[in-house]
Amino acid sequence: MTRTAGSVDTEFTFELITCRWAERTWPPGEARATATVVARQVGTRDRRWDTLIVEADPAGFAARERFGPDELDSDLLHVVRHAPAEWAWYRDALPDPGYPWRYVREAVHRAAARDAVETRRRGNRIELRRIAPYPDWISRVVAIENKPDLDASAARALADQIAYDVDCGLLDEVWVATRATGDAVPPALLEAFPVEAGILAVDPHAGEADVLWHPAALSTTDDARRRVIAERAYGRGWRSYVDTMRPDCRHFELAEVGEAFVPYCAAKARCQTGVECSGSCPAFEPEPPGWRTRGWPIEGGPGKGVRFLLDRRRDRVRSRERRRES
């Protein structure tokens, strides 16, 4: 079931609406010339970004799909990127990884299981060859930090994180998104953040955003980590929030806010956060078994239907981005 929510009270919901806005309209104020992947809570060991946007060369994006819809982790990337055009023993074909070869062998088997490479056994050796060249599909990587209620003290507390984002060498642009108030950007916010960071004013109910301050183009220095980050974004997207929630609860619904479907709890009568929607929630009630046998909204019950709906919307967006090649 879906409904229209009355208010946007949590940073979690604001974040989902920002992701949907970016998916629909990025880049702000410009015609889209690239394929775009939008994800949330993706990053590195040192930093996780609320919203991550990967702009992709359309032809490269279409070629990336040849390797499947799931992300390629760093070990799989080592195999897929260096797999030879002709059959070769994996230890001859791949560069020395700097860690034990047994882990590379495991990655070769994982890549083959996903049809990302081909393998065959010759005696006691595993040979491999590529299915296609891994494309150079990443054009730009952009991060957005979402803080709907951003006053001067909150801006000062966030300043160090934004400074890290500007200097880390992984991002082409850095933005801060806050709730639209109709006012000009307060000088205190401009003083708190590095001038290189852009500022967005998001109207969560309309699902629209205005640029209050344009970001600077940043220098990037670590292509290998950028590739890993982009793969994480590609595989996870932003609708993966449902994977850590309980859509099988009888109170779990989707609400439409700002042209995004966000999780709504009928027991609490509001949009809930990802943290509170769990099996330990006092209001949690498993959906009745009878719901799962009535084909509502598809066979398996409402919880499965929620996953199906979000997956279908993700696939629809990917199909749209793929068509940009033509």
C-alpha atoms as a PDB file:
ATOM      1  CA  MET A   1       0.000   0.000   0.000  1.00  0.00           C
ATOM      2  CA  THR A   2       1.153   3.545  -0.720  1.00  0.00           C
ATOM      3  CA  ARG A   3      -0.078   6.798   0.763  1.00  0.00           C
ATOM      4  CA  THR A   4       0.834  10.468   0.775  1.00  0.00           C
ATOM      5  CA  ALA A   5       2.757  11.449   3.908  1.00  0.00           C
ATOM      6  CA  GLY A   6       1.967  14.697   5.642  1.00  0.00           C
ATOM      7  CA  SER A   7       5.408  15.762   6.870  1.00  0.00           C
ATOM      8  CA  VAL A   8       9.105  15.118   6.462  1.00  0.00           C
ATOM      9  CA  ASP A   9      10.482  14.994   9.977  1.00  0.00           C
ATOM     10  CA  THR A  10      13.633  12.906   9.692  1.00  0.00           C
ATOM     11  CA  GLU A  11      16.990  13.293   8.012  1.00  0.00           C
ATOM     12  CA  PHE A  12      16.562   9.747   6.668  1.00  0.00           C
ATOM     13  CA  THR A  13      13.415  10.675   4.722  1.00  0.00           C
ATOM     14  CA  PHE A  14      14.978  13.948   3.553  1.00  0.00           C
ATOM     15  CA  GLU A  15      17.942  11.942   2.271  1.00  0.00           C
ATOM     16  CA  LEU A  16      15.721   9.621   0.226  1.00  0.00           C
ATOM     17  CA  ILE A  17      13.917  12.587  -1.313  1.00  0.00           C
ATOM     18  CA  THR A  18      17.248  14.188  -2.220  1.00  0.00           C
ATOM     19  CA  CYS A  19      18.302  10.956  -3.914  1.00  0.00           C
ATOM     20  CA  ARG A  20      15.099  10.868  -5.956  1.00  0.00           C
ATOM     21  CA  TRP A  21      15.494  14.521  -6.918  1.00  0.00           C
ATOM     22  CA  ALA A  22      19.030  13.830  -8.138  1.00  0.00           C
ATOM     23  CA  GLU A  23      17.852  10.769 -10.054  1.00  0.00           C
ATOM     24  CA  ARG A  24      15.254  12.882 -11.874  1.00  0.00           C
ATOM     25  CA  THR A  25      17.013  16.184 -12.469  1.00  0.00           C
ATOM     26  CA  TRP A  26      20.787  15.959 -12.061  1.00  0.00           C
ATOM     27  CA  PRO A  27      22.746  18.095 -12.849  1.00  0.00           C
ATOM     28  CA  PRO A  28      20.836  21.069 -11.412  1.00  0.00           C
ATOM     29  CA  GLY A  29      19.861  23.626 -13.997  1.00  0.00           C
ATOM     30  CA  GLU A  30      21.484  21.791 -16.912  1.00  0.00           C
ATOM     31  CA  ALA A  31      20.411  19.360 -19.599  1.00  0.00           C
ATOM     32  CA  ARG A  32      21.595  15.859 -18.745  1.00  0.00           C
ATOM     33  CA  ALA A  33      24.308  14.637 -21.098  1.00  0.00           C
ATOM     34  CA  THR A  34      25.450  11.620 -19.100  1.00  0.00           C
ATOM     35  CA  ALA A  35      23.959   8.480 -17.631  1.00  0.00           C
ATOM     36  CA  THR A  36      23.511   8.889 -13.884  1.00  0.00           C
ATOM     37  CA  VAL A  37      23.642   6.459 -10.957  1.00  0.00           C
ATOM     38  CA  VAL A  38      22.408   7.685  -7.570  1.00  0.00           C
ATOM     39  CA  ALA A  39      23.173   5.817  -4.336  1.00  0.00           C
ATOM     40  CA  ARG A  40      23.040   6.488  -0.604  1.00  0.00           C
ATOM     41  CA  GLN A  41      25.328   5.626   2.305  1.00  0.00           C
ATOM     42  CA  VAL A  42      28.216   4.620   0.053  1.00  0.00           C
ATOM     43  CA  GLY A  43      31.838   5.397   0.711  1.00  0.00           C
ATOM     44  CA  THR A  44      35.147   4.188   2.075  1.00  0.00           C
ATOM     45  CA  ARG A  45      36.471   3.047   5.428  1.00  0.00           C
ATOM     46  CA  ASP A  46      37.133   6.695   6.290  1.00  0.00           C
ATOM     47  CA  ARG A  47      33.958   8.364   5.022  1.00  0.00           C
ATOM     48  CA  ARG A  48      30.418   7.404   4.065  1.00  0.00           C
ATOM     49  CA  TRP A  49      28.371   9.835   1.984  1.00  0.00           C
ATOM     50  CA  ASP A  50      24.642  10.433   2.342  1.00  0.00           C
ATOM     51  CA  THR A  51      24.069  10.735  -1.397  1.00  0.00           C
ATOM     52  CA  LEU A  52      26.561   9.749  -4.077  1.00  0.00           C
ATOM     53  CA  ILE A  53      26.044  10.535  -7.749  1.00  0.00           C
ATOM     54  CA  VAL A  54      28.097   8.840 -10.431  1.00  0.00           C
ATOM     55  CA  GLU A  55      27.926  10.482 -13.825  1.00  0.00           C
ATOM     56  CA  ALA A  56      28.737   7.959 -16.520  1.00  0.00           C
ATOM     57  CA  ASP A  57      29.615   7.996 -20.171  1.00  0.00           C
ATOM     58  CA  PRO A  58      26.434   6.572 -21.752  1.00  0.00           C
ATOM     59  CA  ALA A  59      28.269   4.085 -23.974  1.00  0.00           C
ATOM     60  CA  GLY A  60      30.474   3.052 -21.075  1.00  0.00           C
ATOM     61  CA  PHE A  61      27.433   2.679 -18.822  1.00  0.00           C
ATOM     62  CA  ALA A  62      25.808   0.349 -21.341  1.00  0.00           C
ATOM     63  CA  ALA A  63      29.050  -1.644 -21.600  1.00  0.00           C
ATOM     64  CA  ARG A  64      29.259  -1.898 -17.790  1.00  0.00           C
ATOM     65  CA  GLU A  65      25.882  -3.642 -17.748  1.00  0.00           C
ATOM     66  CA  ARG A  66      27.494  -6.594 -19.543  1.00  0.00           C
ATOM     67  CA  PHE A  67      29.019  -7.530 -16.155  1.00  0.00           C
ATOM     68  CA  GLY A  68      25.667  -7.756 -14.381  1.00  0.00           C
ATOM     69  CA  PRO A  69      23.617  -5.568 -12.053  1.00  0.00           C
ATOM     70  CA  ASP A  70      25.639  -6.224  -8.882  1.00  0.00           C
ATOM     71  CA  GLU A  71      28.701  -4.344  -7.756  1.00  0.00           C
ATOM     72  CA  LEU A  72      32.198  -5.602  -8.468  1.00  0.00           C
ATOM     73  CA  ASP A  73      34.298  -5.353  -5.308  1.00  0.00           C
ATOM     74  CA  SER A  74      38.007  -4.558  -5.434  1.00  0.00           C
ATOM     75  CA  ASP A  75      39.027  -8.238  -5.776  1.00  0.00           C
ATOM     76  CA  LEU A  76      36.570  -8.815  -8.612  1.00  0.00           C
ATOM     77  CA  LEU A  77      37.699  -5.619 -10.318  1.00  0.00           C
ATOM     78  CA  HIS A  78      41.283  -6.896 -10.225  1.00  0.00           C
ATOM     79  CA  VAL A  79      40.165 -10.006 -12.110  1.00  0.00           C
ATOM     80  CA  VAL A  80      37.683  -8.457 -14.534  1.00  0.00           C
ATOM     81  CA  ARG A  81      39.812  -5.466 -15.533  1.00  0.00           C
ATOM     82  CA  HIS A  82      42.910  -7.555 -16.254  1.00  0.00           C
ATOM     83  CA  ALA A  83      41.344 -10.732 -17.656  1.00  0.00           C
ATOM     84  CA  PRO A  84      43.050 -11.478 -21.012  1.00  0.00           C
ATOM     85  CA  ALA A  85      41.357 -11.634 -24.397  1.00  0.00           C
ATOM     86  CA  GLU A  86      42.738 -15.175 -24.917  1.00  0.00           C
ATOM     87  CA  TRP A  87      42.923 -18.104 -22.514  1.00  0.00           C
ATOM     88  CA  ALA A  88      45.760 -17.868 -19.983  1.00  0.00           C
ATOM     89  CA  TRP A  89      46.636 -19.217 -16.546  1.00  0.00           C
ATOM     90  CA  TYR A  90      45.274 -16.681 -14.083  1.00  0.00           C
ATOM     91  CA  ARG A  91      48.653 -16.169 -12.384  1.00  0.00           C
ATOM     92  CA  ASP A  92      50.260 -15.334 -15.719  1.00  0.00           C
ATOM     93  CA  ALA A  93      47.398 -13.146 -16.853  1.00  0.00           C
ATOM     94  CA  LEU A  94      46.776 -11.001 -13.785  1.00  0.00           C
ATOM     95  CA  PRO A  95      49.151  -8.503 -12.154  1.00  0.00           C
ATOM     96  CA  ASP A  96      50.596  -9.417  -8.777  1.00  0.00           C
ATOM     97  CA  PRO A  97      47.900  -8.248  -6.369  1.00  0.00           C
ATOM     98  CA  GLY A  98      50.207  -7.703  -3.406  1.00  0.00           C
ATOM     99  CA  TYR A  99      48.318 -10.286  -1.325  1.00  0.00           C
ATOM    100  CA  PRO A 100      48.195 -14.127  -1.436  1.00  0.00           C
ATOM    101  CA  TRP A 101      47.217 -15.649  -4.780  1.00  0.00           C
ATOM    102  CA  ARG A 102      44.683 -17.941  -3.130  1.00  0.00           C
ATOM    103  CA  TYR A 103      42.454 -14.912  -2.687  1.00  0.00           C
ATOM    104  CA  VAL A 104      42.813 -14.119  -6.378  1.00  0.00           C
ATOM    105  CA  ARG A 105      41.830 -17.680  -7.231  1.00  0.00           C
ATOM    106  CA  GLU A 106      38.704 -17.293  -5.090  1.00  0.00           C
ATOM    107  CA  ALA A 107      37.890 -14.040  -6.888  1.00  0.00           C
ATOM    108  CA  VAL A 108      38.333 -15.745 -10.263  1.00  0.00           C
ATOM    109  CA  HIS A 109      35.783 -18.381  -9.253  1.00  0.00           C
ATOM    110  CA  ARG A 110      33.392 -15.697  -7.986  1.00  0.00           C
ATOM    111  CA  ALA A 111      33.723 -13.741 -11.224  1.00  0.00           C
ATOM    112  CA  ALA A 112      33.068 -16.875 -13.266  1.00  0.00           C
ATOM    113  CA  ALA A 113      29.980 -17.696 -11.168  1.00  0.00           C
ATOM    114  CA  ARG A 114      28.614 -14.276 -12.100  1.00  0.00           C
ATOM    115  CA  ASP A 115      29.518 -14.726 -15.805  1.00  0.00           C
ATOM    116  CA  ALA A 116      31.877 -11.761 -15.532  1.00  0.00           C
ATOM    117  CA  VAL A 117      34.758 -13.881 -16.941  1.00  0.00           C
ATOM    118  CA  GLU A 118      35.088 -17.316 -18.514  1.00  0.00           C
ATOM    119  CA  THR A 119      37.199 -20.056 -16.927  1.00  0.00           C
ATOM    120  CA  ARG A 120      38.375 -23.544 -17.794  1.00  0.00           C
ATOM    121  CA  ARG A 121      40.621 -26.118 -16.168  1.00  0.00           C
ATOM    122  CA  ARG A 122      43.813 -27.267 -17.908  1.00  0.00           C
ATOM    123  CA  GLY A 123      45.356 -29.981 -15.749  1.00  0.00           C
ATOM    124  CA  ASN A 124      45.570 -28.491 -12.265  1.00  0.00           C
ATOM    125  CA  ARG A 125      45.549 -24.926 -13.565  1.00  0.00           C
ATOM    126  CA  ILE A 126      42.645 -22.521 -13.859  1.00  0.00           C
ATOM    127  CA  GLU A 127      42.686 -20.471 -17.043  1.00  0.00           C
ATOM    128  CA  LEU A 128      40.515 -17.475 -17.727  1.00  0.00           C
ATOM    129  CA  ARG A 129      39.592 -15.025 -20.431  1.00  0.00           C
ATOM    130  CA  ARG A 130      37.448 -11.941 -20.477  1.00  0.00           C
ATOM    131  CA  ILE A 131      33.884 -11.733 -21.754  1.00  0.00           C
ATOM    132  CA  ALA A 132      34.463  -8.100 -22.751  1.00  0.00           C
ATOM    133  CA  PRO A 133      36.818  -5.269 -21.827  1.00  0.00           C
ATOM    134  CA  TYR A 134      35.835  -3.589 -18.573  1.00  0.00           C
ATOM    135  CA  PRO A 135      34.842  -0.065 -19.675  1.00  0.00           C
ATOM    136  CA  ASP A 136      36.141   3.258 -18.443  1.00  0.00           C
ATOM    137  CA  TRP A 137      32.579   4.328 -17.660  1.00  0.00           C
ATOM    138  CA  ILE A 138      32.969   6.864 -14.839  1.00  0.00           C
ATOM    139  CA  SER A 139      32.873  10.541 -15.797  1.00  0.00           C
ATOM    140  CA  ARG A 140      32.389  12.280 -12.442  1.00  0.00           C
ATOM    141  CA  VAL A 141      31.669  11.346  -8.824  1.00  0.00           C
ATOM    142  CA  VAL A 142      29.663  13.836  -6.746  1.00  0.00           C
ATOM    143  CA  ALA A 143      28.779  13.700  -3.029  1.00  0.00           C
ATOM    144  CA  ILE A 144      25.889  15.411  -1.240  1.00  0.00           C
ATOM    145  CA  GLU A 145      25.699  15.704   2.548  1.00  0.00           C
ATOM    146  CA  ASN A 146      22.069  16.016   3.671  1.00  0.00           C
ATOM    147  CA  LYS A 147      21.259  18.212   6.670  1.00  0.00           C
ATOM    148  CA  PRO A 148      17.647  19.397   6.507  1.00  0.00           C
ATOM    149  CA  ASP A 149      17.875  21.555   9.636  1.00  0.00           C
ATOM    150  CA  LEU A 150      21.145  23.365   9.179  1.00  0.00           C
ATOM    151  CA  ASP A 151      21.806  26.258  11.504  1.00  0.00           C
ATOM    152  CA  ALA A 152      25.152  27.905  12.171  1.00  0.00           C
ATOM    153  CA  SER A 153      26.170  25.499  14.959  1.00  0.00           C
ATOM    154  CA  ALA A 154      25.253  22.452  12.874  1.00  0.00           C
ATOM    155  CA  ALA A 155      27.253  23.905   9.973  1.00  0.00           C
ATOM    156  CA  ARG A 156      30.324  24.335  12.176  1.00  0.00           C
ATOM    157  CA  ALA A 157      30.005  20.729  13.382  1.00  0.00           C
ATOM    158  CA  LEU A 158      29.831  19.532   9.764  1.00  0.00           C
ATOM    159  CA  ALA A 159      32.635  21.732   8.478  1.00  0.00           C
ATOM    160  CA  ASP A 160      35.480  19.250   9.088  1.00  0.00           C
ATOM    161  CA  GLN A 161      33.677  16.492   7.176  1.00  0.00           C
ATOM    162  CA  ILE A 162      33.064  18.780   4.214  1.00  0.00           C
ATOM    163  CA  ALA A 163      36.708  19.897   4.282  1.00  0.00           C
ATOM    164  CA  TYR A 164      37.746  16.225   4.140  1.00  0.00           C
ATOM    165  CA  ASP A 165      35.426  15.662   1.171  1.00  0.00           C
ATOM    166  CA  VAL A 166      36.940  18.603  -0.693  1.00  0.00           C
ATOM    167  CA  ASP A 167      40.508  17.419  -0.092  1.00  0.00           C
ATOM    168  CA  CYS A 168      40.201  13.613  -0.331  1.00  0.00           C
ATOM    169  CA  GLY A 169      40.933  13.381  -4.054  1.00  0.00           C
ATOM    170  CA  LEU A 170      37.952  11.071  -4.730  1.00  0.00           C
ATOM    171  CA  LEU A 171      35.206  13.544  -5.629  1.00  0.00           C
ATOM    172  CA  ASP A 172      34.663  15.920  -8.519  1.00  0.00           C
ATOM    173  CA  GLU A 173      32.114  18.013  -6.596  1.00  0.00           C
ATOM    174  CA  VAL A 174      30.870  18.333  -3.018  1.00  0.00           C
ATOM    175  CA  TRP A 175      27.452  19.681  -1.997  1.00  0.00           C
ATOM    176  CA  VAL A 176      25.492  20.273   1.196  1.00  0.00           C
ATOM    177  CA  ALA A 177      21.699  19.940   0.923  1.00  0.00           C
ATOM    178  CA  THR A 178      19.463  21.659   3.454  1.00  0.00           C
ATOM    179  CA  ARG A 179      15.738  22.308   3.738  1.00  0.00           C
ATOM    180  CA  ALA A 180      14.475  25.224   1.651  1.00  0.00           C
ATOM    181  CA  THR A 181      13.250  28.162   3.740  1.00  0.00           C
ATOM    182  CA  GLY A 182      12.757  30.774   1.033  1.00  0.00           C
ATOM    183  CA  ASP A 183      15.608  32.840   2.430  1.00  0.00           C
ATOM    184  CA  ALA A 184      18.984  33.556   0.923  1.00  0.00           C
ATOM    185  CA  VAL A 185      21.853  31.426   2.129  1.00  0.00           C
ATOM    186  CA  PRO A 186      22.867  32.635   5.604  1.00  0.00           C
ATOM    187  CA  PRO A 187      26.388  34.105   5.685  1.00  0.00           C
ATOM    188  CA  ALA A 188      27.214  31.839   8.639  1.00  0.00           C
ATOM    189  CA  LEU A 189      26.837  28.787   6.421  1.00  0.00           C
ATOM    190  CA  LEU A 190      29.169  30.199   3.817  1.00  0.00           C
ATOM    191  CA  GLU A 191      31.711  30.996   6.506  1.00  0.00           C
ATOM    192  CA  ALA A 192      31.553  27.494   8.007  1.00  0.00           C
ATOM    193  CA  PHE A 193      32.065  25.469   4.838  1.00  0.00           C
ATOM    194  CA  PRO A 194      34.958  25.490   2.392  1.00  0.00           C
ATOM    195  CA  VAL A 195      34.109  27.782  -0.498  1.00  0.00           C
ATOM    196  CA  GLU A 196      34.555  24.820  -2.848  1.00  0.00           C
ATOM    197  CA  ALA A 197      31.382  23.144  -1.515  1.00  0.00           C
ATOM    198  CA  GLY A 198      28.038  23.895  -3.144  1.00  0.00           C
ATOM    199  CA  ILE A 199      24.804  24.428  -1.189  1.00  0.00           C
ATOM    200  CA  LEU A 200      21.377  23.147  -2.253  1.00  0.00           C
ATOM    201  CA  ALA A 201      18.005  24.213  -0.842  1.00  0.00           C
ATOM    202  CA  VAL A 202      15.654  21.230  -1.122  1.00  0.00           C
ATOM    203  CA  ASP A 203      11.877  21.483  -0.881  1.00  0.00           C
ATOM    204  CA  PRO A 204      11.097  17.929   0.288  1.00  0.00           C
ATOM    205  CA  HIS A 205       7.370  18.105  -0.440  1.00  0.00           C
ATOM    206  CA  ALA A 206       7.808  19.367  -3.985  1.00  0.00           C
ATOM    207  CA  GLY A 207      10.862  17.203  -4.602  1.00  0.00           C
ATOM    208  CA  GLU A 208      12.707  20.174  -6.063  1.00  0.00           C
ATOM    209  CA  ALA A 209      15.955  21.951  -5.231  1.00  0.00           C
ATOM    210  CA  ASP A 210      17.576  25.319  -5.887  1.00  0.00           C
ATOM    211  CA  VAL A 211      21.272  26.073  -5.983  1.00  0.00           C
ATOM    212  CA  LEU A 212      22.235  28.620  -3.320  1.00  0.00           C
ATOM    213  CA  TRP A 213      25.983  28.348  -3.888  1.00  0.00           C
ATOM    214  CA  HIS A 214      27.760  26.695  -6.805  1.00  0.00           C
ATOM    215  CA  PRO A 215      30.610  24.262  -6.051  1.00  0.00           C
ATOM    216  CA  ALA A 216      34.097  24.350  -7.458  1.00  0.00           C
ATOM    217  CA  ALA A 217      35.513  21.594  -9.663  1.00  0.00           C
ATOM    218  CA  LEU A 218      37.878  19.478  -7.559  1.00  0.00           C
ATOM    219  CA  SER A 219      41.023  17.563  -8.462  1.00  0.00           C
ATOM    220  CA  THR A 220      40.854  13.774  -8.245  1.00  0.00           C
ATOM    221  CA  THR A 221      43.910  11.633  -7.574  1.00  0.00           C
ATOM    222  CA  ASP A 222      42.855   8.064  -6.828  1.00  0.00           C
ATOM    223  CA  ASP A 223      41.226   6.365  -9.803  1.00  0.00           C
ATOM    224  CA  ALA A 224      41.328   2.901  -8.213  1.00  0.00           C
ATOM    225  CA  ARG A 225      39.296   3.916  -5.160  1.00  0.00           C
ATOM    226  CA  ARG A 226      36.953   6.017  -7.289  1.00  0.00           C
ATOM    227  CA  ARG A 227      36.267   2.916  -9.342  1.00  0.00           C
ATOM    228  CA  VAL A 228      35.448   0.885  -6.221  1.00  0.00           C
ATOM    229  CA  ILE A 229      33.151   3.626  -4.919  1.00  0.00           C
ATOM    230  CA  ALA A 230      31.379   3.886  -8.271  1.00  0.00           C
ATOM    231  CA  GLU A 231      30.868   0.116  -8.327  1.00  0.00           C
ATOM    232  CA  ARG A 232      29.318   0.231  -4.869  1.00  0.00           C
ATOM    233  CA  ALA A 233      26.955   2.946  -6.033  1.00  0.00           C
ATOM    234  CA  TYR A 234      26.128   1.004  -9.192  1.00  0.00           C
ATOM    235  CA  GLY A 235      25.227  -2.167  -7.305  1.00  0.00           C
ATOM    236  CA  ARG A 236      23.358  -0.656  -4.359  1.00  0.00           C
ATOM    237  CA  GLY A 237      21.531   2.414  -5.611  1.00  0.00           C
ATOM    238  CA  TRP A 238      19.452   4.324  -3.065  1.00  0.00           C
ATOM    239  CA  ARG A 239      16.374   2.125  -2.814  1.00  0.00           C
ATOM    240  CA  SER A 240      18.410  -0.519  -1.008  1.00  0.00           C
ATOM    241  CA  TYR A 241      17.215   1.070   2.259  1.00  0.00           C
ATOM    242  CA  VAL A 242      14.543  -1.634   2.317  1.00  0.00           C
ATOM    243  CA  ASP A 243      17.227  -4.306   2.754  1.00  0.00           C
ATOM    244  CA  THR A 244      17.859  -3.197   6.343  1.00  0.00           C
ATOM    245  CA  MET A 245      14.207  -2.596   7.264  1.00  0.00           C
ATOM    246  CA  ARG A 246      11.196  -4.833   7.870  1.00  0.00           C
ATOM    247  CA  PRO A 247       8.810  -4.533   4.923  1.00  0.00           C
ATOM    248  CA  ASP A 248       7.292  -7.834   6.113  1.00  0.00           C
ATOM    249  CA  CYS A 249       5.728  -5.974   9.080  1.00  0.00           C
ATOM    250  CA  ARG A 250       1.982  -5.487   8.702  1.00  0.00           C
ATOM    251  CA  HIS A 251       2.426  -1.773   9.476  1.00  0.00           C
ATOM    252  CA  PHE A 252       5.087  -1.141   6.804  1.00  0.00           C
ATOM    253  CA  GLU A 253       3.872   0.967   3.898  1.00  0.00           C
ATOM    254  CA  LEU A 254       5.314   3.269   1.286  1.00  0.00           C
ATOM    255  CA  ALA A 255       4.423   6.949   1.248  1.00  0.00           C
ATOM    256  CA  GLU A 256       4.888   9.203  -1.759  1.00  0.00           C
ATOM    257  CA  VAL A 257       6.699  12.423  -0.869  1.00  0.00           C
ATOM    258  CA  GLY A 258       8.547  14.671  -3.283  1.00  0.00           C
ATOM    259  CA  GLU A 259       8.009  12.104  -6.073  1.00  0.00           C
ATOM    260  CA  ALA A 260       9.866   9.504  -4.001  1.00  0.00           C
ATOM    261  CA  PHE A 261       8.550   6.389  -2.297  1.00  0.00           C
ATOM    262  CA  VAL A 262       9.698   6.508   1.323  1.00  0.00           C
ATOM    263  CA  PRO A 263       8.954   4.072   4.189  1.00  0.00           C
ATOM    264  CA  TYR A 264       5.912   4.853   6.316  1.00  0.00           C
ATOM    265  CA  CYS A 265       4.788   3.169   9.562  1.00  0.00           C
ATOM    266  CA  ALA A 266       1.008   2.908   9.946  1.00  0.00           C
ATOM    267  CA  ALA A 267       1.409   2.110  13.648  1.00  0.00           C
ATOM    268  CA  LYS A 268       3.344   5.338  14.267  1.00  0.00           C
ATOM    269  CA  ALA A 269       1.362   7.256  11.626  1.00  0.00           C
ATOM    270  CA  ARG A 270       4.522   8.813  10.218  1.00  0.00           C
ATOM    271  CA  CYS A 271       7.573   8.153   8.095  1.00  0.00           C
ATOM    272  CA  GLN A 272       9.991   6.079  10.128  1.00  0.00           C
ATOM    273  CA  THR A 273      13.771   5.890  10.088  1.00  0.00           C
ATOM    274  CA  GLY A 274      15.856   2.954   8.994  1.00  0.00           C
ATOM    275  CA  VAL A 275      17.104   2.454  12.550  1.00  0.00           C
ATOM    276  CA  GLU A 276      13.736   2.194  14.247  1.00  0.00           C
ATOM    277  CA  CYS A 277      12.159  -0.072  11.591  1.00  0.00           C
ATOM    278  CA  SER A 278      13.464  -3.410  12.881  1.00  0.00           C
ATOM    279  CA  GLY A 279      12.326  -6.620  14.500  1.00  0.00           C
ATOM    280  CA  SER A 280      12.954  -5.051  17.910  1.00  0.00           C
ATOM    281  CA  CYS A 281      10.409  -2.276  17.307  1.00  0.00           C
ATOM    282  CA  PRO A 282       7.595  -2.577  19.909  1.00  0.00           C
ATOM    283  CA  ALA A 283       5.014  -2.140  17.140  1.00  0.00           C
ATOM    284  CA  PHE A 284       6.492  -4.837  14.885  1.00  0.00           C
ATOM    285  CA  GLU A 285       3.947  -7.431  13.775  1.00  0.00           C
ATOM    286  CA  PRO A 286       4.756  -9.961  11.059  1.00  0.00           C
ATOM    287  CA  GLU A 287       2.297  -9.760   8.198  1.00  0.00           C
ATOM    288  CA  PRO A 288      -0.346 -12.500   8.566  1.00  0.00           C
ATOM    289  CA  PRO A 289       0.433 -15.698   6.642  1.00  0.00           C
ATOM    290  CA  GLY A 290      -2.867 -15.339   4.804  1.00  0.00           C
ATOM    291  CA  TRP A 291      -1.633 -12.135   3.170  1.00  0.00           C
ATOM    292  CA  ARG A 292       1.105 -14.131   1.451  1.00  0.00           C
ATOM    293  CA  THR A 293      -1.299 -16.461  -0.323  1.00  0.00           C
ATOM    294  CA  ARG A 294      -3.707 -13.949  -1.841  1.00  0.00           C
ATOM    295  CA  GLY A 295      -1.417 -12.562  -4.497  1.00  0.00           C
ATOM    296  CA  TRP A 296      -1.588  -9.081  -2.978  1.00  0.00           C
ATOM    297  CA  PRO A 297       0.014  -7.040  -4.433  1.00  0.00           C
ATOM    298  CA  ILE A 298       1.943  -9.977  -5.888  1.00  0.00           C
ATOM    299  CA  GLU A 299       2.306 -13.520  -4.710  1.00  0.00           C
ATOM    300  CA  GLY A 300       4.267 -13.488  -1.475  1.00  0.00           C
ATOM    301  CA  GLY A 301       2.458 -10.704   0.332  1.00  0.00           C
ATOM    302  CA  PRO A 302       2.880  -6.932   0.824  1.00  0.00           C
ATOM    303  CA  GLY A 303       6.476  -7.146   2.052  1.00  0.00           C
ATOM    304  CA  LYS A 304       7.592  -8.918  -1.084  1.00  0.00           C
ATOM    305  CA  GLY A 305       5.476  -6.499  -3.091  1.00  0.00           C
ATOM    306  CA  VAL A 306       7.364  -3.531  -1.634  1.00  0.00           C
ATOM    307  CA  ARG A 307      10.682  -5.043  -2.723  1.00  0.00           C
ATOM    308  CA  PHE A 308       9.270  -5.809  -6.166  1.00  0.00           C
ATOM    309  CA  LEU A 309       8.007  -2.246  -6.601  1.00  0.00           C
ATOM    310  CA  LEU A 310      11.320  -0.655  -5.584  1.00  0.00           C
ATOM    311  CA  ASP A 311      13.313  -3.058  -7.777  1.00  0.00           C
ATOM    312  CA  ARG A 312      11.037  -2.308 -10.717  1.00  0.00           C
ATOM    313  CA  ARG A 313      11.494   1.434 -10.309  1.00  0.00           C
ATOM    314  CA  ARG A 314      15.276   0.992 -10.085  1.00  0.00           C
ATOM    315  CA  ASP A 315      15.289  -1.131 -13.253  1.00  0.00           C
ATOM    316  CA  ARG A 316      13.114   1.427 -15.033  1.00  0.00           C
ATOM    317  CA  VAL A 317      15.599   4.182 -14.200  1.00  0.00           C
ATOM    318  CA  ARG A 318      18.540   2.055 -15.355  1.00  0.00           C
ATOM    319  CA  SER A 319      16.766   1.311 -18.616  1.00  0.00           C
ATOM    320  CA  ARG A 320      16.215   5.038 -19.133  1.00  0.00           C
ATOM    321  CA  GLU A 321      19.889   5.769 -18.511  1.00  0.00           C
ATOM    322  CA  ARG A 322      20.967   2.976 -20.844  1.00  0.00           C
ATOM    323  CA  ARG A 323      18.871   4.446 -23.663  1.00  0.00           C
ATOM    324  CA  ARG A 324      20.880   7.667 -23.454  1.00  0.00           C
ATOM    325  CA  GLU A 325      23.566   5.887 -25.482  1.00  0.00           C
ATOM    326  CA  SER A 326      21.346   6.091 -28.513  1.00  0.00           C
END
